[in-house]
Amino acid sequence: MTEKRVDWESIDRTIRGYLGLRYHLVGIKIRGRDVDGKESEHRPDRPMAHCQMIREIALQGGTYVYDKSDEACPTAHIVLGLRESKHIDIDLRVKPAETKSIVIASLDHMREEPDVILATVTPKQMMDLSIILQAGNPDLLTVGFRGEASCAEFTAKPFMEHKPNLSLLCNGARTIYSDFRDNEILFGAPPETYLHVADMIEKITKTGGALCGCRTSDIPQEVVDTFERAGLAKGIDFFFGRVNGRSVRAYLNKDLQGRLQFITFHLPVKMASEEEAEKAVQSLSQTLSPPFHASRRGNWLDLTMSANLGELSIDLLEEKSIGKALTEFVTKSTEALNRTRAAG
């Protein structure tokens, strides 16, 4: 039976859309064969550093296929296994040094199964990614970096260990060869990590932000009492009430281990028509950032916010924290909708 090919373009679209990533996800393929004739058109027109090619592909999309003659960074030669280390001691590198060529491509151009996938993220986006990645896992996400030879951190380490890693980059990536911004870091991981993240995002999206919907009858009574003290009534699988004159719903969601860990706030707004609702969604999609989302349901506009309870500083046994989070959600959602309406 032929193994089904992964739709990497869809994975890129899902993850970037949810996290609000500015740049393409970039796939890396370490190969033990030479660049063939058909691939020559994708060679860089001048020697470039590994991090420089990654930066350009993340910004513009496309593909680079290259060998050691195209690699401008001496350290990257050793780190990526393009040649053996004779005079420089670099422990974290591709071993054995049998790399003949490397493919760097945005996921929508990736024609081979990548060995490592890179995401250029801000600290806030990395926080959101970590929450999804570690959902249901009590362990911390362990990473290692030292601020130099960063290609060892974001490419070699995930390649050799088959585990995610984070890099704060190095002077070569930020100044000498490339121009990553001060607020940007690189997250490198094997492809199965990104498949898991995309799958979790799909689950969150399909359930309106819930990783696992909870019937209120399954929620501890003391938590139900807290929501009622906050002014919300109990429905079948959500709490509902009015905040600042608007009808809102709150869903409590369990993590993969069955613990109450996530919450989704929902503000439904009836629009004049399906066309007006769709127009509002398109406009809000450009201005809202995760964990806020906008979607259309007929002529209804659904504004939602899904987050970890700790992220919002919500104590399920303290009605003031619930009330404060709900009020902030309604206020921000209403302000965003008013700006959209004012813009026409």
Protein backbone atom coordinates (compact mmCIF):
# COMPACT_ATOMS: atom_id res chain seq x y z
CA MET A 1 0.00 0.00 0.00
CA THR A 2 1.37 3.43 -0.98
CA GLU A 3 1.81 5.77 1.96
CA LYS A 4 -0.38 8.86 1.67
CA ARG A 5 1.63 11.98 0.93
CA VAL A 6 1.35 14.73 3.52
CA ASP A 7 -0.22 17.97 2.30
CA TRP A 8 2.50 20.23 3.66
CA GLU A 9 0.92 23.33 2.14
CA SER A 10 -2.20 22.70 4.23
CA ILE A 11 -0.06 22.14 7.35
CA ASP A 12 1.69 25.46 6.72
CA ARG A 13 -1.63 27.26 6.24
CA THR A 14 -3.18 25.75 9.39
CA ILE A 15 -0.29 26.53 11.73
CA ARG A 16 0.52 29.97 10.36
CA GLY A 17 -3.14 30.99 10.37
CA TYR A 18 -3.72 29.95 13.97
CA LEU A 19 -0.51 31.36 15.44
CA GLY A 20 -0.49 34.45 13.25
CA LEU A 21 2.96 33.71 11.83
CA ARG A 22 4.31 36.29 9.42
CA TYR A 23 6.75 33.95 7.69
CA HIS A 24 6.52 30.65 5.82
CA LEU A 25 7.35 27.45 7.67
CA VAL A 26 10.61 26.14 6.18
CA GLY A 27 11.46 22.50 5.54
CA ILE A 28 15.04 21.17 5.61
CA LYS A 29 16.12 17.95 3.87
CA ILE A 30 19.62 16.57 4.55
CA ARG A 31 20.54 14.31 1.62
CA GLY A 32 23.23 11.77 0.91
CA ARG A 33 23.10 12.38 -2.85
CA ASP A 34 24.37 15.11 -5.12
CA VAL A 35 22.34 17.89 -6.68
CA ASP A 36 21.02 16.54 -9.97
CA GLY A 37 20.70 18.43 -13.24
CA LYS A 38 17.01 19.19 -12.91
CA GLU A 39 17.59 20.80 -9.50
CA SER A 40 20.34 23.16 -10.66
CA GLU A 41 17.86 25.96 -11.27
CA HIS A 42 17.28 26.08 -7.50
CA ARG A 43 20.92 26.58 -6.57
CA PRO A 44 21.74 29.99 -5.09
CA ASP A 45 23.41 32.32 -7.60
CA ARG A 46 26.21 32.98 -5.11
CA PRO A 47 27.53 31.25 -1.97
CA MET A 48 25.16 31.87 0.95
CA ALA A 49 24.99 30.81 4.59
CA HIS A 50 22.50 28.20 5.73
CA CYS A 51 20.73 30.72 7.98
CA GLN A 52 20.65 33.28 5.16
CA MET A 53 18.90 30.87 2.80
CA ILE A 54 16.41 29.97 5.54
CA ARG A 55 15.68 33.64 6.12
CA GLU A 56 15.04 34.32 2.42
CA ILE A 57 12.81 31.28 1.99
CA ALA A 58 10.83 32.16 5.13
CA LEU A 59 10.26 35.66 3.75
CA GLN A 60 9.63 34.92 0.09
CA GLY A 61 8.85 31.22 -0.22
CA GLY A 62 10.48 29.00 -2.84
CA THR A 63 13.30 26.47 -2.84
CA TYR A 64 17.08 26.26 -2.55
CA VAL A 65 18.99 23.08 -3.36
CA TYR A 66 22.71 23.28 -2.70
CA ASP A 67 25.95 21.51 -1.77
CA LYS A 68 29.14 22.48 0.04
CA SER A 69 30.32 24.68 -2.82
CA ASP A 70 27.29 26.94 -2.19
CA GLU A 71 27.68 27.16 1.61
CA ALA A 72 29.34 30.44 2.68
CA CYS A 73 29.59 29.76 6.43
CA PRO A 74 32.61 27.62 7.46
CA THR A 75 30.92 26.58 10.69
CA ALA A 76 27.82 25.41 8.83
CA HIS A 77 30.02 23.13 6.68
CA ILE A 78 30.84 21.14 9.79
CA VAL A 79 27.50 21.47 11.59
CA LEU A 80 25.52 20.22 8.57
CA GLY A 81 27.86 17.32 7.82
CA LEU A 82 29.17 18.75 4.55
CA ARG A 83 32.73 18.02 5.70
CA GLU A 84 34.50 16.51 8.69
CA SER A 85 35.74 18.66 11.54
CA LYS A 86 39.54 18.71 11.59
CA HIS A 87 40.40 21.87 13.46
CA ILE A 88 37.12 23.01 15.07
CA ASP A 89 35.52 21.09 17.92
CA ILE A 90 31.76 21.14 17.35
CA ASP A 91 30.00 18.36 19.18
CA LEU A 92 26.44 19.19 18.07
CA ARG A 93 26.51 18.41 14.35
CA VAL A 94 25.18 16.05 11.71
CA LYS A 95 27.00 12.74 12.10
CA PRO A 96 28.46 11.03 10.17
CA ALA A 97 29.58 13.85 7.84
CA GLU A 98 28.08 12.31 4.72
CA THR A 99 25.83 15.16 3.57
CA LYS A 100 26.04 15.66 -0.19
CA SER A 101 23.26 18.21 -0.66
CA ILE A 102 20.59 20.08 1.28
CA VAL A 103 17.10 21.23 0.33
CA ILE A 104 15.63 24.34 1.96
CA ALA A 105 12.04 25.04 0.91
CA SER A 106 8.90 26.71 2.17
CA LEU A 107 6.41 23.95 2.98
CA ASP A 108 4.18 24.88 0.04
CA HIS A 109 7.19 24.11 -2.24
CA MET A 110 8.42 21.04 -0.35
CA ARG A 111 8.52 18.04 -2.70
CA GLU A 112 10.34 15.69 -0.33
CA GLU A 113 9.60 14.63 3.23
CA PRO A 114 11.50 17.20 5.35
CA ASP A 115 13.84 16.06 8.10
CA VAL A 116 13.38 19.26 10.08
CA ILE A 117 10.82 22.06 9.87
CA LEU A 118 11.56 25.58 11.10
CA ALA A 119 9.21 28.28 12.34
CA THR A 120 10.30 31.88 12.79
CA VAL A 121 8.39 33.04 15.86
CA THR A 122 8.18 35.81 18.41
CA PRO A 123 8.28 34.93 22.12
CA LYS A 124 4.48 35.33 22.32
CA GLN A 125 3.95 33.02 19.34
CA MET A 126 6.34 30.50 20.90
CA MET A 127 4.28 30.62 24.09
CA ASP A 128 1.09 29.86 22.13
CA LEU A 129 2.86 27.07 20.24
CA SER A 130 4.16 25.56 23.48
CA ILE A 131 0.67 25.47 24.99
CA ILE A 132 -0.60 23.47 22.01
CA LEU A 133 2.49 21.29 21.83
CA GLN A 134 2.45 20.37 25.51
CA ALA A 135 -1.32 20.03 25.96
CA GLY A 136 -1.93 17.09 28.25
CA ASN A 137 1.79 16.60 28.87
CA PRO A 138 2.86 17.37 32.46
CA ASP A 139 6.53 17.57 31.47
CA LEU A 140 8.29 20.78 30.50
CA LEU A 141 9.47 21.34 26.94
CA THR A 142 13.25 20.96 27.29
CA VAL A 143 15.47 22.86 24.85
CA GLY A 144 19.17 23.62 24.57
CA PHE A 145 21.02 26.60 23.10
CA ARG A 146 24.18 28.61 23.67
CA GLY A 147 23.86 31.61 21.33
CA GLU A 148 26.54 30.57 18.84
CA ALA A 149 26.61 28.27 15.82
CA SER A 150 22.83 28.44 15.87
CA CYS A 151 22.41 26.14 12.86
CA ALA A 152 23.50 23.40 15.28
CA GLU A 153 20.55 24.33 17.50
CA PHE A 154 17.74 24.68 14.98
CA THR A 155 18.82 22.14 12.31
CA ALA A 156 21.44 19.66 13.57
CA LYS A 157 19.96 19.01 17.02
CA PRO A 158 16.38 18.27 15.84
CA PHE A 159 17.82 16.20 12.96
CA MET A 160 20.07 14.06 15.15
CA GLU A 161 17.83 13.74 18.22
CA HIS A 162 14.40 13.75 16.53
CA LYS A 163 13.15 16.19 19.15
CA PRO A 164 12.07 19.87 19.05
CA ASN A 165 14.55 22.57 19.93
CA LEU A 166 14.62 26.34 20.23
CA SER A 167 17.36 28.70 19.11
CA LEU A 168 17.91 32.31 20.11
CA LEU A 169 20.16 32.46 17.02
CA CYS A 170 23.70 33.81 16.88
CA ASN A 171 25.58 36.86 15.62
CA GLY A 172 26.02 35.18 12.24
CA ALA A 173 22.27 34.74 11.84
CA ARG A 174 21.38 38.19 13.15
CA THR A 175 24.19 40.35 11.76
CA ILE A 176 26.91 38.77 9.62
CA TYR A 177 25.05 36.57 7.14
CA SER A 178 21.38 37.24 7.79
CA ASP A 179 19.11 39.80 9.40
CA PHE A 180 16.75 38.06 11.80
CA ARG A 181 15.09 40.68 13.98
CA ASP A 182 15.76 41.09 17.69
CA ASN A 183 12.30 39.75 18.61
CA GLU A 184 12.56 36.65 16.38
CA ILE A 185 13.69 33.16 17.34
CA LEU A 186 13.71 29.84 15.48
CA PHE A 187 11.84 26.72 16.51
CA GLY A 188 13.14 23.57 14.83
CA ALA A 189 11.45 20.18 15.09
CA PRO A 190 10.94 16.93 13.19
CA PRO A 191 7.90 16.84 10.88
CA GLU A 192 5.81 14.69 13.22
CA THR A 193 5.88 17.54 15.76
CA TYR A 194 4.25 19.89 13.26
CA LEU A 195 1.74 17.24 12.23
CA HIS A 196 0.77 16.93 15.89
CA VAL A 197 0.45 20.71 16.27
CA ALA A 198 -1.70 20.97 13.11
CA ASP A 199 -3.91 18.13 14.34
CA MET A 200 -4.40 19.81 17.71
CA ILE A 201 -5.26 23.11 16.01
CA GLU A 202 -7.87 21.33 13.87
CA LYS A 203 -9.42 19.86 17.01
CA ILE A 204 -9.47 23.25 18.69
CA THR A 205 -11.05 24.90 15.63
CA LYS A 206 -13.71 22.24 15.05
CA THR A 207 -14.95 22.45 18.62
CA GLY A 208 -15.00 26.23 18.81
CA GLY A 209 -11.77 26.28 20.77
CA ALA A 210 -12.27 23.18 22.88
CA LEU A 211 -9.76 20.39 23.02
CA CYS A 212 -12.50 18.28 24.57
CA GLY A 213 -15.98 19.65 25.18
CA CYS A 214 -17.37 19.18 28.68
CA ARG A 215 -20.98 18.76 29.72
CA THR A 216 -21.66 21.04 32.67
CA SER A 217 -23.03 18.01 34.52
CA ASP A 218 -19.50 16.59 34.44
CA ILE A 219 -17.96 19.73 35.95
CA PRO A 220 -17.38 19.81 39.73
CA GLN A 221 -20.24 21.53 41.55
CA GLU A 222 -17.94 24.07 43.21
CA VAL A 223 -16.83 25.25 39.76
CA VAL A 224 -20.46 25.48 38.60
CA ASP A 225 -21.25 27.53 41.71
CA THR A 226 -18.39 29.91 40.90
CA PHE A 227 -19.72 30.59 37.40
CA GLU A 228 -23.21 31.17 38.79
CA ARG A 229 -21.83 33.66 41.31
CA ALA A 230 -20.15 35.39 38.36
CA GLY A 231 -23.61 35.87 36.85
CA LEU A 232 -23.68 32.99 34.35
CA ALA A 233 -26.34 30.30 34.13
CA LYS A 234 -25.64 26.64 33.36
CA GLY A 235 -26.53 25.22 29.97
CA ILE A 236 -25.99 21.66 28.73
CA ASP A 237 -22.35 22.11 27.73
CA PHE A 238 -21.69 25.80 28.37
CA PHE A 239 -22.40 28.68 30.73
CA PHE A 240 -24.29 31.71 29.41
CA GLY A 241 -25.21 35.21 30.47
CA ARG A 242 -24.92 38.88 29.56
CA VAL A 243 -21.84 41.05 29.92
CA ASN A 244 -21.92 44.75 29.03
CA GLY A 245 -25.32 44.18 27.43
CA ARG A 246 -24.14 41.35 25.17
CA SER A 247 -24.97 37.66 25.28
CA VAL A 248 -21.90 35.52 25.89
CA ARG A 249 -21.09 31.87 26.42
CA ALA A 250 -18.23 30.20 28.26
CA TYR A 251 -17.07 26.65 27.56
CA LEU A 252 -14.75 24.76 29.87
CA ASN A 253 -12.52 22.30 28.08
CA LYS A 254 -10.40 19.41 29.25
CA ASP A 255 -6.87 18.61 28.21
CA LEU A 256 -5.90 15.19 26.88
CA GLN A 257 -5.61 13.87 30.42
CA GLY A 258 -9.12 14.91 31.38
CA ARG A 259 -8.21 17.94 33.48
CA LEU A 260 -10.06 21.26 33.22
CA GLN A 261 -7.34 23.26 31.54
CA PHE A 262 -8.85 25.42 28.77
CA ILE A 263 -11.65 27.92 28.40
CA THR A 264 -13.44 29.32 25.36
CA PHE A 265 -15.45 32.55 25.43
CA HIS A 266 -18.00 33.00 22.64
CA LEU A 267 -19.71 36.24 21.58
CA PRO A 268 -22.34 35.64 18.84
CA VAL A 269 -23.36 38.71 16.81
CA LYS A 270 -26.29 38.63 14.36
CA MET A 271 -25.46 40.48 11.16
CA ALA A 272 -27.86 41.82 8.53
CA SER A 273 -26.88 39.20 5.97
CA GLU A 274 -24.47 36.37 5.26
CA GLU A 275 -22.51 38.73 3.01
CA GLU A 276 -22.09 41.27 5.82
CA ALA A 277 -21.01 38.51 8.20
CA GLU A 278 -18.44 37.20 5.72
CA LYS A 279 -17.11 40.70 5.10
CA ALA A 280 -16.70 41.21 8.84
CA VAL A 281 -14.83 37.90 9.18
CA GLN A 282 -12.43 38.87 6.39
CA SER A 283 -11.75 42.24 7.99
CA LEU A 284 -11.39 40.90 11.53
CA SER A 285 -9.04 38.15 10.34
CA GLN A 286 -6.58 40.91 9.44
CA THR A 287 -6.78 42.65 12.80
CA LEU A 288 -7.43 39.94 15.40
CA SER A 289 -4.55 37.83 16.64
CA PRO A 290 -4.66 34.53 18.56
CA PRO A 291 -6.23 33.60 20.87
CA PHE A 292 -9.04 35.74 19.31
CA HIS A 293 -10.81 34.34 16.24
CA ALA A 294 -13.70 35.31 14.00
CA SER A 295 -15.85 32.94 11.95
CA ARG A 296 -19.20 32.99 10.15
CA ARG A 297 -22.25 30.80 10.81
CA GLY A 298 -24.94 31.79 8.32
CA ASN A 299 -25.63 35.46 9.01
CA TRP A 300 -24.08 35.16 12.48
CA LEU A 301 -20.61 36.40 13.31
CA ASP A 302 -18.92 34.29 15.99
CA LEU A 303 -16.16 35.97 17.97
CA THR A 304 -14.25 33.54 20.18
CA MET A 305 -11.21 33.44 22.41
CA SER A 306 -9.65 30.13 23.47
CA ALA A 307 -6.83 29.93 25.96
CA ASN A 308 -5.21 28.07 28.79
CA LEU A 309 -6.75 28.97 32.16
CA GLY A 310 -3.34 29.95 33.51
CA GLU A 311 -2.72 32.17 30.52
CA LEU A 312 -5.74 34.27 31.49
CA SER A 313 -5.03 34.04 35.25
CA ILE A 314 -8.43 32.44 35.79
CA ASP A 315 -9.14 30.68 39.07
CA LEU A 316 -12.18 28.43 38.61
CA LEU A 317 -13.05 28.89 42.27
CA GLU A 318 -12.86 32.69 42.18
CA GLU A 319 -15.76 34.48 40.45
CA LYS A 320 -13.89 37.80 40.21
CA SER A 321 -11.22 36.33 37.93
CA ILE A 322 -13.91 34.80 35.69
CA GLY A 323 -15.84 38.06 35.55
CA LYS A 324 -12.73 40.07 34.76
CA ALA A 325 -11.68 37.74 31.92
CA LEU A 326 -15.19 37.77 30.43
CA THR A 327 -15.43 41.55 30.59
CA GLU A 328 -12.06 41.98 28.90
CA PHE A 329 -13.05 39.52 26.17
CA VAL A 330 -16.34 41.30 25.45
CA THR A 331 -14.71 44.74 25.54
CA LYS A 332 -11.90 43.84 23.14
CA SER A 333 -14.23 41.94 20.80
CA THR A 334 -16.74 44.80 20.71
CA GLU A 335 -14.01 47.37 20.05
CA ALA A 336 -12.63 45.28 17.17
CA LEU A 337 -16.12 44.87 15.68
CA ASN A 338 -16.86 48.59 16.00
CA ARG A 339 -13.61 49.44 14.20
CA THR A 340 -14.56 47.05 11.41
CA ARG A 341 -18.01 48.60 11.05
CA ALA A 342 -16.58 52.13 11.07
CA ALA A 343 -14.17 51.20 8.28
CA GLY A 344 -17.13 50.15 6.19
